[in-house]
Amino acid sequence: MTEQNQQQARHQQRQQKLKEKVDERIAAAQEEKGILQVITGNGKGKTTSGFGMVVRCLGHGMQAGVVQFIKGQWDNGEKNLLSNIGVPFAVMETGFTWETQNKAADTLAAQQTWQQAKAMLTNPDLDLVLLDELTYMLSYDYLDVDEVISVLQNRPPMQHVVVTGRGAHRKLIEIADTVSEVRNVKHAFDAGIKAQLGFDY
């Protein structure tokens, strides 16, 4: 047997062992349920990832809804596209808290938006709900953490939920099925590059 053939044989043996382990895990994972995923961390891409999951859901002929906390009234590429094909949106529209600087008004806006979120989270026709930037509402005490947890735990059993935002509350992390943390390595904004239409928003 040539050296090349020996290398190929060793590679095949390694891959076969890996395949057996993967197949075993796939065989063991048979439960079907709505997944709660939290995408947190200081890096860029949390909302983008959440919207990617919305598009994936729609691509399979399923239904999705979007709730955006923190976002203002500026142009939003995802909303421009998705609302035109029937995806329901609830947008807080007050903008960033460092701009409004009015906790009472922000709290009221958050609670009003949360009522729309609750309607989606009790609607079994929605296969996926994106709660974009929800984590801030819990960090700032605009929403009651225990109420949010209760609604998430009592949603339709096959409904998937994606929560995005920095500093996810520990109670949210505890009940989540999947938690991903996006780490910031470099960001164009730190180099003085402004947010770009069609790329950042």
C-alpha atoms as a PDB file:
ATOM      1  CA  MET A   1       0.000   0.000   0.000  1.00  0.00           C
ATOM      2  CA  THR A   2       1.375   3.407  -0.953  1.00  0.00           C
ATOM      3  CA  GLU A   3       1.859   6.249   1.545  1.00  0.00           C
ATOM      4  CA  GLN A   4      -0.998   8.118  -0.103  1.00  0.00           C
ATOM      5  CA  ASN A   5      -3.284   5.109   0.248  1.00  0.00           C
ATOM      6  CA  GLN A   6      -2.307   4.728   3.895  1.00  0.00           C
ATOM      7  CA  GLN A   7      -3.119   8.392   4.537  1.00  0.00           C
ATOM      8  CA  GLN A   8      -6.474   7.967   2.822  1.00  0.00           C
ATOM      9  CA  ALA A   9      -7.220   4.845   4.879  1.00  0.00           C
ATOM     10  CA  ARG A  10      -6.386   6.652   8.151  1.00  0.00           C
ATOM     11  CA  HIS A  11      -8.486   9.635   7.108  1.00  0.00           C
ATOM     12  CA  GLN A  12     -11.406   7.366   6.266  1.00  0.00           C
ATOM     13  CA  GLN A  13     -11.151   5.598   9.635  1.00  0.00           C
ATOM     14  CA  ARG A  14     -11.159   8.924  11.503  1.00  0.00           C
ATOM     15  CA  GLN A  15     -14.133  10.187   9.520  1.00  0.00           C
ATOM     16  CA  GLN A  16     -16.020   6.945  10.044  1.00  0.00           C
ATOM     17  CA  LYS A  17     -15.554   7.225  13.821  1.00  0.00           C
ATOM     18  CA  LEU A  18     -16.735  10.830  13.676  1.00  0.00           C
ATOM     19  CA  LYS A  19     -19.756   9.833  11.582  1.00  0.00           C
ATOM     20  CA  GLU A  20     -20.705   7.150  14.096  1.00  0.00           C
ATOM     21  CA  LYS A  21     -20.610   9.679  16.959  1.00  0.00           C
ATOM     22  CA  VAL A  22     -22.660  12.218  14.995  1.00  0.00           C
ATOM     23  CA  ASP A  23     -25.177   9.571  13.929  1.00  0.00           C
ATOM     24  CA  GLU A  24     -25.508   8.474  17.547  1.00  0.00           C
ATOM     25  CA  ARG A  25     -26.274  12.020  18.687  1.00  0.00           C
ATOM     26  CA  ILE A  26     -28.796  12.510  15.879  1.00  0.00           C
ATOM     27  CA  ALA A  27     -30.527   9.256  16.783  1.00  0.00           C
ATOM     28  CA  ALA A  28     -30.740  10.340  20.436  1.00  0.00           C
ATOM     29  CA  ALA A  29     -32.243  13.774  19.626  1.00  0.00           C
ATOM     30  CA  GLN A  30     -35.838  12.855  18.792  1.00  0.00           C
ATOM     31  CA  GLU A  31     -37.863  15.386  20.809  1.00  0.00           C
ATOM     32  CA  GLU A  32     -39.691  18.035  18.797  1.00  0.00           C
ATOM     33  CA  LYS A  33     -40.618  21.320  20.469  1.00  0.00           C
ATOM     34  CA  GLY A  34     -40.471  25.043  19.994  1.00  0.00           C
ATOM     35  CA  ILE A  35     -36.918  26.265  20.604  1.00  0.00           C
ATOM     36  CA  LEU A  36     -36.093  29.359  22.631  1.00  0.00           C
ATOM     37  CA  GLN A  37     -32.804  30.800  21.404  1.00  0.00           C
ATOM     38  CA  VAL A  38     -30.985  33.764  22.930  1.00  0.00           C
ATOM     39  CA  ILE A  39     -28.374  35.595  20.870  1.00  0.00           C
ATOM     40  CA  THR A  40     -26.419  37.903  23.154  1.00  0.00           C
ATOM     41  CA  GLY A  41     -22.955  39.425  23.562  1.00  0.00           C
ATOM     42  CA  ASN A  42     -21.247  42.673  22.580  1.00  0.00           C
ATOM     43  CA  GLY A  43     -20.487  41.791  18.970  1.00  0.00           C
ATOM     44  CA  LYS A  44     -22.266  42.917  15.818  1.00  0.00           C
ATOM     45  CA  GLY A  45     -24.721  40.555  14.127  1.00  0.00           C
ATOM     46  CA  LYS A  46     -27.299  39.549  16.735  1.00  0.00           C
ATOM     47  CA  THR A  47     -30.271  41.162  15.007  1.00  0.00           C
ATOM     48  CA  THR A  48     -28.958  40.072  11.608  1.00  0.00           C
ATOM     49  CA  SER A  49     -28.815  36.479  12.819  1.00  0.00           C
ATOM     50  CA  GLY A  50     -32.339  36.715  14.188  1.00  0.00           C
ATOM     51  CA  PHE A  51     -33.667  38.008  10.879  1.00  0.00           C
ATOM     52  CA  GLY A  52     -31.825  35.220   9.089  1.00  0.00           C
ATOM     53  CA  MET A  53     -33.884  32.744  11.103  1.00  0.00           C
ATOM     54  CA  VAL A  54     -37.073  34.627  10.210  1.00  0.00           C
ATOM     55  CA  VAL A  55     -36.195  34.346   6.508  1.00  0.00           C
ATOM     56  CA  ARG A  56     -35.369  30.648   6.907  1.00  0.00           C
ATOM     57  CA  CYS A  57     -38.765  30.076   8.516  1.00  0.00           C
ATOM     58  CA  LEU A  58     -40.560  31.920   5.717  1.00  0.00           C
ATOM     59  CA  GLY A  59     -38.574  30.005   3.131  1.00  0.00           C
ATOM     60  CA  HIS A  60     -40.211  26.810   4.365  1.00  0.00           C
ATOM     61  CA  GLY A  61     -43.692  28.290   3.948  1.00  0.00           C
ATOM     62  CA  MET A  62     -44.076  28.930   7.668  1.00  0.00           C
ATOM     63  CA  GLN A  63     -45.237  32.078   9.470  1.00  0.00           C
ATOM     64  CA  ALA A  64     -43.155  34.479  11.559  1.00  0.00           C
ATOM     65  CA  GLY A  65     -43.644  37.686  13.520  1.00  0.00           C
ATOM     66  CA  VAL A  66     -41.165  40.371  14.580  1.00  0.00           C
ATOM     67  CA  VAL A  67     -41.107  42.617  17.641  1.00  0.00           C
ATOM     68  CA  GLN A  68     -38.414  45.300  17.777  1.00  0.00           C
ATOM     69  CA  PHE A  69     -37.600  47.035  21.032  1.00  0.00           C
ATOM     70  CA  ILE A  70     -35.207  50.031  21.121  1.00  0.00           C
ATOM     71  CA  LYS A  71     -35.447  50.635  17.359  1.00  0.00           C
ATOM     72  CA  GLY A  72     -36.499  54.108  16.249  1.00  0.00           C
ATOM     73  CA  GLN A  73     -38.456  55.329  13.237  1.00  0.00           C
ATOM     74  CA  TRP A  74     -35.489  55.270  10.859  1.00  0.00           C
ATOM     75  CA  ASP A  75     -35.438  53.252   7.658  1.00  0.00           C
ATOM     76  CA  ASN A  76     -35.223  49.506   8.294  1.00  0.00           C
ATOM     77  CA  GLY A  77     -34.289  47.258   5.386  1.00  0.00           C
ATOM     78  CA  GLU A  78     -35.609  44.074   6.994  1.00  0.00           C
ATOM     79  CA  LYS A  79     -38.979  45.661   7.797  1.00  0.00           C
ATOM     80  CA  ASN A  80     -39.198  47.180   4.313  1.00  0.00           C
ATOM     81  CA  LEU A  81     -38.901  43.717   2.795  1.00  0.00           C
ATOM     82  CA  LEU A  82     -40.708  41.482   5.248  1.00  0.00           C
ATOM     83  CA  SER A  83     -43.731  43.639   6.042  1.00  0.00           C
ATOM     84  CA  ASN A  84     -44.464  43.789   2.301  1.00  0.00           C
ATOM     85  CA  ILE A  85     -44.902  40.007   2.263  1.00  0.00           C
ATOM     86  CA  GLY A  86     -47.200  39.929   5.268  1.00  0.00           C
ATOM     87  CA  VAL A  87     -44.855  39.480   8.232  1.00  0.00           C
ATOM     88  CA  PRO A  88     -46.404  41.290  11.231  1.00  0.00           C
ATOM     89  CA  PHE A  89     -44.132  43.840  12.911  1.00  0.00           C
ATOM     90  CA  ALA A  90     -44.416  45.595  16.282  1.00  0.00           C
ATOM     91  CA  VAL A  91     -41.823  48.352  16.657  1.00  0.00           C
ATOM     92  CA  MET A  92     -41.272  50.377  19.834  1.00  0.00           C
ATOM     93  CA  GLU A  93     -40.141  53.369  17.727  1.00  0.00           C
ATOM     94  CA  THR A  94     -38.779  55.449  20.618  1.00  0.00           C
ATOM     95  CA  GLY A  95     -35.153  54.990  19.580  1.00  0.00           C
ATOM     96  CA  PHE A  96     -32.160  54.523  21.832  1.00  0.00           C
ATOM     97  CA  THR A  97     -32.537  55.260  25.541  1.00  0.00           C
ATOM     98  CA  TRP A  98     -29.559  57.613  25.541  1.00  0.00           C
ATOM     99  CA  GLU A  99     -31.461  59.759  23.025  1.00  0.00           C
ATOM    100  CA  THR A 100     -34.888  59.743  24.679  1.00  0.00           C
ATOM    101  CA  GLN A 101     -33.541  60.134  28.241  1.00  0.00           C
ATOM    102  CA  ASN A 102     -37.074  59.700  29.562  1.00  0.00           C
ATOM    103  CA  LYS A 103     -37.466  56.515  31.579  1.00  0.00           C
ATOM    104  CA  ALA A 104     -41.206  56.915  32.171  1.00  0.00           C
ATOM    105  CA  ALA A 105     -41.938  57.356  28.463  1.00  0.00           C
ATOM    106  CA  ASP A 106     -39.599  54.526  27.491  1.00  0.00           C
ATOM    107  CA  THR A 107     -41.172  52.213  30.075  1.00  0.00           C
ATOM    108  CA  LEU A 108     -44.659  52.976  28.775  1.00  0.00           C
ATOM    109  CA  ALA A 109     -43.546  52.413  25.173  1.00  0.00           C
ATOM    110  CA  ALA A 110     -41.876  49.126  26.138  1.00  0.00           C
ATOM    111  CA  GLN A 111     -44.975  47.894  27.930  1.00  0.00           C
ATOM    112  CA  GLN A 112     -47.210  48.825  25.002  1.00  0.00           C
ATOM    113  CA  THR A 113     -44.896  46.979  22.612  1.00  0.00           C
ATOM    114  CA  TRP A 114     -44.797  44.032  25.001  1.00  0.00           C
ATOM    115  CA  GLN A 115     -48.593  43.736  24.733  1.00  0.00           C
ATOM    116  CA  GLN A 116     -48.169  43.260  20.976  1.00  0.00           C
ATOM    117  CA  ALA A 117     -45.408  40.749  21.640  1.00  0.00           C
ATOM    118  CA  LYS A 118     -47.676  38.788  23.984  1.00  0.00           C
ATOM    119  CA  ALA A 119     -50.314  38.597  21.248  1.00  0.00           C
ATOM    120  CA  MET A 120     -47.732  36.985  18.963  1.00  0.00           C
ATOM    121  CA  LEU A 121     -46.480  34.686  21.712  1.00  0.00           C
ATOM    122  CA  THR A 122     -49.988  33.305  22.215  1.00  0.00           C
ATOM    123  CA  ASN A 123     -50.720  32.897  18.501  1.00  0.00           C
ATOM    124  CA  PRO A 124     -50.244  29.257  17.447  1.00  0.00           C
ATOM    125  CA  ASP A 125     -50.297  30.296  13.766  1.00  0.00           C
ATOM    126  CA  LEU A 126     -46.882  31.938  14.200  1.00  0.00           C
ATOM    127  CA  ASP A 127     -44.138  29.357  13.901  1.00  0.00           C
ATOM    128  CA  LEU A 128     -41.386  31.796  14.949  1.00  0.00           C
ATOM    129  CA  VAL A 129     -41.288  35.097  16.811  1.00  0.00           C
ATOM    130  CA  LEU A 130     -38.231  37.363  16.851  1.00  0.00           C
ATOM    131  CA  LEU A 131     -37.965  39.529  19.984  1.00  0.00           C
ATOM    132  CA  ASP A 132     -35.238  41.891  18.852  1.00  0.00           C
ATOM    133  CA  GLU A 133     -33.386  43.767  21.636  1.00  0.00           C
ATOM    134  CA  LEU A 134     -35.693  42.380  24.333  1.00  0.00           C
ATOM    135  CA  THR A 135     -32.736  41.946  26.682  1.00  0.00           C
ATOM    136  CA  TYR A 136     -32.476  45.703  27.249  1.00  0.00           C
ATOM    137  CA  MET A 137     -36.091  45.894  28.396  1.00  0.00           C
ATOM    138  CA  LEU A 138     -35.242  43.465  31.182  1.00  0.00           C
ATOM    139  CA  SER A 139     -31.911  45.090  32.078  1.00  0.00           C
ATOM    140  CA  TYR A 140     -33.548  48.521  32.382  1.00  0.00           C
ATOM    141  CA  ASP A 141     -36.554  47.137  34.333  1.00  0.00           C
ATOM    142  CA  TYR A 142     -38.970  48.394  31.671  1.00  0.00           C
ATOM    143  CA  LEU A 143     -40.620  44.971  31.710  1.00  0.00           C
ATOM    144  CA  ASP A 144     -41.140  42.530  34.549  1.00  0.00           C
ATOM    145  CA  VAL A 145     -38.660  39.675  34.148  1.00  0.00           C
ATOM    146  CA  ASP A 146     -40.911  37.057  35.725  1.00  0.00           C
ATOM    147  CA  GLU A 147     -43.844  37.989  33.498  1.00  0.00           C
ATOM    148  CA  VAL A 148     -41.688  37.759  30.379  1.00  0.00           C
ATOM    149  CA  ILE A 149     -40.335  34.374  31.490  1.00  0.00           C
ATOM    150  CA  SER A 150     -43.836  33.096  32.188  1.00  0.00           C
ATOM    151  CA  VAL A 151     -45.143  34.156  28.769  1.00  0.00           C
ATOM    152  CA  LEU A 152     -42.157  32.553  27.037  1.00  0.00           C
ATOM    153  CA  GLN A 153     -42.624  29.309  28.957  1.00  0.00           C
ATOM    154  CA  ASN A 154     -46.353  29.167  28.213  1.00  0.00           C
ATOM    155  CA  ARG A 155     -46.268  29.997  24.491  1.00  0.00           C
ATOM    156  CA  PRO A 156     -47.633  27.490  21.945  1.00  0.00           C
ATOM    157  CA  PRO A 157     -45.546  24.316  22.311  1.00  0.00           C
ATOM    158  CA  MET A 158     -44.190  24.288  18.744  1.00  0.00           C
ATOM    159  CA  GLN A 159     -43.494  28.015  18.492  1.00  0.00           C
ATOM    160  CA  HIS A 160     -39.838  29.020  18.148  1.00  0.00           C
ATOM    161  CA  VAL A 161     -38.621  32.278  19.708  1.00  0.00           C
ATOM    162  CA  VAL A 162     -35.394  34.167  19.084  1.00  0.00           C
ATOM    163  CA  VAL A 163     -34.348  36.828  21.599  1.00  0.00           C
ATOM    164  CA  THR A 164     -31.515  39.226  20.769  1.00  0.00           C
ATOM    165  CA  GLY A 165     -29.580  41.890  22.665  1.00  0.00           C
ATOM    166  CA  ARG A 166     -26.635  42.450  24.945  1.00  0.00           C
ATOM    167  CA  GLY A 167     -26.506  41.430  28.581  1.00  0.00           C
ATOM    168  CA  ALA A 168     -29.167  38.710  28.566  1.00  0.00           C
ATOM    169  CA  HIS A 169     -30.742  38.275  32.003  1.00  0.00           C
ATOM    170  CA  ARG A 170     -29.652  35.094  33.813  1.00  0.00           C
ATOM    171  CA  LYS A 171     -33.274  33.904  34.115  1.00  0.00           C
ATOM    172  CA  LEU A 172     -33.647  34.189  30.360  1.00  0.00           C
ATOM    173  CA  ILE A 173     -30.456  32.223  29.819  1.00  0.00           C
ATOM    174  CA  GLU A 174     -31.611  29.550  32.273  1.00  0.00           C
ATOM    175  CA  ILE A 175     -34.832  28.788  30.384  1.00  0.00           C
ATOM    176  CA  ALA A 176     -33.336  29.075  26.881  1.00  0.00           C
ATOM    177  CA  ASP A 177     -32.681  25.941  24.855  1.00  0.00           C
ATOM    178  CA  THR A 178     -29.850  27.511  22.883  1.00  0.00           C
ATOM    179  CA  VAL A 179     -27.675  30.493  23.857  1.00  0.00           C
ATOM    180  CA  SER A 180     -25.136  32.036  21.496  1.00  0.00           C
ATOM    181  CA  GLU A 181     -22.742  34.820  22.427  1.00  0.00           C
ATOM    182  CA  VAL A 182     -21.455  37.131  19.710  1.00  0.00           C
ATOM    183  CA  ARG A 183     -18.002  38.460  20.603  1.00  0.00           C
ATOM    184  CA  ASN A 184     -16.657  41.753  19.306  1.00  0.00           C
ATOM    185  CA  VAL A 185     -13.212  41.410  17.706  1.00  0.00           C
ATOM    186  CA  LYS A 186     -13.245  44.499  15.466  1.00  0.00           C
ATOM    187  CA  HIS A 187     -15.969  46.951  14.487  1.00  0.00           C
ATOM    188  CA  ALA A 188     -15.879  49.485  11.671  1.00  0.00           C
ATOM    189  CA  PHE A 189     -17.574  52.113  13.861  1.00  0.00           C
ATOM    190  CA  ASP A 190     -14.590  52.085  16.217  1.00  0.00           C
ATOM    191  CA  ALA A 191     -12.454  53.136  13.260  1.00  0.00           C
ATOM    192  CA  GLY A 192     -14.743  56.080  12.508  1.00  0.00           C
ATOM    193  CA  ILE A 193     -16.788  54.401   9.775  1.00  0.00           C
ATOM    194  CA  LYS A 194     -20.465  55.294   9.954  1.00  0.00           C
ATOM    195  CA  ALA A 195     -23.351  52.821   9.666  1.00  0.00           C
ATOM    196  CA  GLN A 196     -24.019  52.004   6.018  1.00  0.00           C
ATOM    197  CA  LEU A 197     -27.405  51.685   4.330  1.00  0.00           C
ATOM    198  CA  GLY A 198     -28.014  48.129   3.139  1.00  0.00           C
ATOM    199  CA  PHE A 199     -25.270  46.712   5.329  1.00  0.00           C
ATOM    200  CA  ASP A 200     -25.839  47.938   8.883  1.00  0.00           C
ATOM    201  CA  TYR A 201     -29.546  48.733   8.605  1.00  0.00           C
END
